[in-house]
Amino acid sequence: MPVERYCPKCDRITPRYNSGHNRCRPCSDAKTKRNHKLNPAPNRERTKRWVAANPEKDKASRAAWRARNPEKVQAYKDRQANSPTKRYSAKRILCARENLPFDLTPADCDVTAIIGTPCPMCAAIISDLKFSRTKAHMDRVVPALGYTKANIRWICATCNRRKQDMTEDDIVRLYHYVTTHKSVP
């Protein structure tokens, strides 16, 4: 049975549920939250154990949270998609898989300085919109040389798709072919 006493922290008359504690429930909960922020490791371990023991409940609670917070989920996805670290990791994995050279840093993969500048190939203004034709793409000038600082440039998504794995010589040959073999109207 709870006993009503004064809380030394907030001076409220509140029931204390455990005679060993001096604080009321709200003050005790606030202290617990502060302790978790100061030392989160024990809380993380407890959460990991609970998730391992209750995978179905964890999956259901995460799905319910995502259903209640679609705007937070979308904001997280947008941050992850535009993250220099995510782009860096993807390019590093690609180079390791294809045995290509790689010497970039996450700062080299940051697209924020490029947004609003013209594409060097078509002069379209590069944007950061997710499904835009002018979204910034990292291009390898010579695809066989991998992702090295001397071999990359930022171009728009349209130009990168058009170029694909062509070298500059291939592009020049294609240009000459198109200009000399115009179709007859």
Protein backbone atom coordinates (compact mmCIF):
# COMPACT_ATOMS: atom_id res chain seq x y z
CA MET A 1 0.00 0.00 0.00
CA PRO A 2 1.53 3.37 -0.96
CA VAL A 3 2.30 5.80 1.84
CA GLU A 4 1.74 9.54 1.27
CA ARG A 5 4.82 11.63 2.05
CA TYR A 6 6.55 14.79 0.90
CA CYS A 7 8.96 14.39 -1.98
CA PRO A 8 12.26 16.14 -1.07
CA LYS A 9 12.79 17.11 -4.72
CA CYS A 10 9.48 18.80 -5.59
CA ASP A 11 7.70 19.14 -2.19
CA ARG A 12 4.56 17.42 -3.48
CA ILE A 13 2.55 15.11 -1.35
CA THR A 14 2.59 11.99 -3.45
CA PRO A 15 2.44 8.29 -2.80
CA ARG A 16 5.80 6.57 -2.78
CA TYR A 17 5.68 3.07 -4.07
CA ASN A 18 8.89 1.83 -2.55
CA SER A 19 9.82 2.77 0.99
CA GLY A 20 13.51 2.58 0.05
CA HIS A 21 13.25 5.61 -2.28
CA ASN A 22 12.87 9.18 -1.10
CA ARG A 23 11.44 10.65 -4.32
CA CYS A 24 7.94 10.58 -5.76
CA ARG A 25 7.24 8.63 -8.95
CA PRO A 26 7.60 11.60 -11.42
CA CYS A 27 10.89 12.73 -9.85
CA SER A 28 12.17 9.17 -9.71
CA ASP A 29 11.28 8.66 -13.40
CA ALA A 30 13.03 11.92 -14.32
CA LYS A 31 16.14 10.77 -12.46
CA THR A 32 16.03 7.43 -14.28
CA LYS A 33 15.81 9.21 -17.64
CA ARG A 34 18.76 11.44 -16.73
CA ASN A 35 20.80 8.39 -15.72
CA HIS A 36 19.98 6.66 -19.01
CA LYS A 37 21.17 9.72 -20.91
CA LEU A 38 24.38 9.90 -18.89
CA ASN A 39 25.09 6.17 -19.09
CA PRO A 40 23.09 4.61 -21.93
CA ALA A 41 25.04 1.35 -22.17
CA PRO A 42 23.05 -0.63 -19.54
CA ASN A 43 19.78 0.50 -21.12
CA ARG A 44 21.01 -0.55 -24.59
CA GLU A 45 22.00 -3.97 -23.27
CA ARG A 46 18.60 -4.41 -21.60
CA THR A 47 16.87 -3.40 -24.86
CA LYS A 48 19.00 -5.84 -26.88
CA ARG A 49 18.10 -8.66 -24.52
CA TRP A 50 14.39 -7.80 -24.72
CA VAL A 51 14.50 -7.64 -28.55
CA ALA A 52 16.28 -11.00 -28.69
CA ALA A 53 13.66 -12.54 -26.39
CA ASN A 54 10.63 -10.86 -28.07
CA PRO A 55 11.32 -10.43 -31.81
CA GLU A 56 7.64 -10.48 -32.81
CA LYS A 57 6.68 -7.82 -30.26
CA ASP A 58 9.65 -5.69 -31.31
CA LYS A 59 8.71 -5.96 -34.98
CA ALA A 60 5.09 -5.06 -34.19
CA SER A 61 6.04 -2.08 -32.02
CA ARG A 62 8.42 -0.74 -34.69
CA ALA A 63 5.72 -1.13 -37.36
CA ALA A 64 3.20 0.67 -35.15
CA TRP A 65 5.67 3.52 -34.53
CA ARG A 66 6.32 3.85 -38.28
CA ALA A 67 2.56 3.94 -38.91
CA ARG A 68 2.11 6.69 -36.28
CA ASN A 69 5.10 8.75 -37.53
CA PRO A 70 5.26 8.64 -41.35
CA GLU A 71 6.81 12.11 -41.57
CA LYS A 72 9.68 11.12 -39.26
CA VAL A 73 10.24 7.92 -41.24
CA GLN A 74 10.38 9.88 -44.51
CA ALA A 75 12.73 12.49 -43.02
CA TYR A 76 15.04 9.70 -41.83
CA LYS A 77 15.03 8.07 -45.28
CA ASP A 78 15.81 11.41 -46.94
CA ARG A 79 18.68 12.07 -44.54
CA GLN A 80 20.09 8.61 -45.16
CA ALA A 81 19.75 8.85 -48.93
CA ASN A 82 21.61 12.16 -49.04
CA SER A 83 24.18 11.18 -46.44
CA PRO A 84 27.81 11.51 -47.55
CA THR A 85 28.67 8.53 -45.36
CA LYS A 86 26.04 6.36 -47.09
CA ARG A 87 27.29 7.41 -50.54
CA TYR A 88 30.92 6.84 -49.44
CA SER A 89 30.12 3.34 -48.15
CA ALA A 90 28.25 2.40 -51.31
CA LYS A 91 31.11 3.50 -53.57
CA ARG A 92 33.71 1.79 -51.37
CA ILE A 93 31.78 -1.50 -51.48
CA LEU A 94 31.35 -1.20 -55.26
CA CYS A 95 35.09 -0.69 -55.76
CA ALA A 96 35.96 -3.61 -53.47
CA ARG A 97 33.56 -5.89 -55.36
CA GLU A 98 34.92 -4.88 -58.78
CA ASN A 99 38.59 -4.62 -57.67
CA LEU A 100 38.78 -0.92 -58.59
CA PRO A 101 40.97 1.73 -56.93
CA PHE A 102 39.31 3.82 -54.21
CA ASP A 103 40.83 6.74 -52.28
CA LEU A 104 37.85 8.97 -51.41
CA THR A 105 36.85 10.24 -47.98
CA PRO A 106 33.27 10.89 -46.77
CA ALA A 107 33.93 14.61 -47.29
CA ASP A 108 34.60 13.94 -50.99
CA CYS A 109 31.13 12.39 -51.22
CA ASP A 110 29.33 15.41 -49.74
CA VAL A 111 27.00 16.83 -52.35
CA THR A 112 25.93 20.02 -50.54
CA ALA A 113 28.57 22.22 -52.22
CA ILE A 114 27.44 21.06 -55.67
CA ILE A 115 23.72 21.84 -55.29
CA GLY A 116 22.68 24.84 -57.37
CA THR A 117 25.71 24.75 -59.69
CA PRO A 118 25.44 23.88 -63.39
CA CYS A 119 26.19 20.38 -64.64
CA PRO A 120 29.53 20.45 -66.49
CA MET A 121 28.11 18.35 -69.34
CA CYS A 122 24.67 19.85 -70.05
CA ALA A 123 24.58 23.08 -67.95
CA ALA A 124 21.38 22.03 -66.12
CA ILE A 125 21.22 23.25 -62.51
CA ILE A 126 22.04 20.35 -60.19
CA SER A 127 19.43 19.76 -57.48
CA ASP A 128 19.07 17.57 -54.41
CA LEU A 129 15.53 16.39 -55.15
CA LYS A 130 15.15 12.64 -54.77
CA PHE A 131 13.67 11.71 -58.17
CA SER A 132 14.94 14.67 -60.17
CA ARG A 133 16.64 14.32 -63.53
CA THR A 134 19.17 16.87 -62.33
CA LYS A 135 20.04 15.14 -59.06
CA ALA A 136 23.80 15.14 -58.39
CA HIS A 137 25.61 11.93 -59.36
CA MET A 138 29.25 11.06 -58.86
CA ASP A 139 30.78 10.20 -62.23
CA ARG A 140 34.00 8.37 -63.02
CA VAL A 141 35.75 10.15 -65.88
CA VAL A 142 37.46 6.91 -66.90
CA PRO A 143 35.38 4.03 -65.47
CA ALA A 144 38.30 1.59 -65.29
CA LEU A 145 40.24 3.92 -62.95
CA GLY A 146 37.68 3.59 -60.15
CA TYR A 147 36.66 6.21 -57.60
CA THR A 148 39.80 8.26 -57.01
CA LYS A 149 39.95 11.98 -56.32
CA ALA A 150 41.54 12.63 -59.72
CA ASN A 151 38.95 10.53 -61.56
CA ILE A 152 35.57 11.77 -60.24
CA ARG A 153 33.33 14.70 -61.05
CA TRP A 154 29.77 15.63 -60.14
CA ILE A 155 27.26 15.64 -63.00
CA CYS A 156 23.47 15.47 -63.22
CA ALA A 157 21.63 12.15 -63.18
CA THR A 158 20.52 12.46 -66.81
CA CYS A 159 24.07 12.92 -68.10
CA ASN A 160 25.35 10.10 -65.93
CA ARG A 161 22.69 7.72 -67.30
CA ARG A 162 23.45 8.79 -70.86
CA LYS A 163 27.17 8.39 -70.37
CA GLN A 164 27.01 5.11 -68.41
CA ASP A 165 30.41 3.40 -68.88
CA MET A 166 31.59 5.38 -71.89
CA THR A 167 34.96 7.11 -71.84
CA GLU A 168 35.49 10.61 -73.19
CA ASP A 169 36.76 9.14 -76.49
CA ASP A 170 33.58 7.04 -76.80
CA ILE A 171 31.46 10.14 -76.23
CA VAL A 172 33.38 12.09 -78.90
CA ARG A 173 32.95 9.21 -81.38
CA LEU A 174 29.22 9.06 -80.60
CA TYR A 175 28.92 12.82 -81.07
CA HIS A 176 30.69 12.68 -84.44
CA TYR A 177 28.50 9.77 -85.54
CA VAL A 178 25.29 11.57 -84.56
CA THR A 179 26.32 14.84 -86.28
CA THR A 180 27.47 13.18 -89.53
CA HIS A 181 24.61 10.67 -89.85
CA LYS A 182 21.58 12.84 -89.29
CA SER A 183 18.33 11.13 -90.16
CA VAL A 184 16.50 12.36 -93.25
CA PRO A 185 13.14 13.99 -92.42
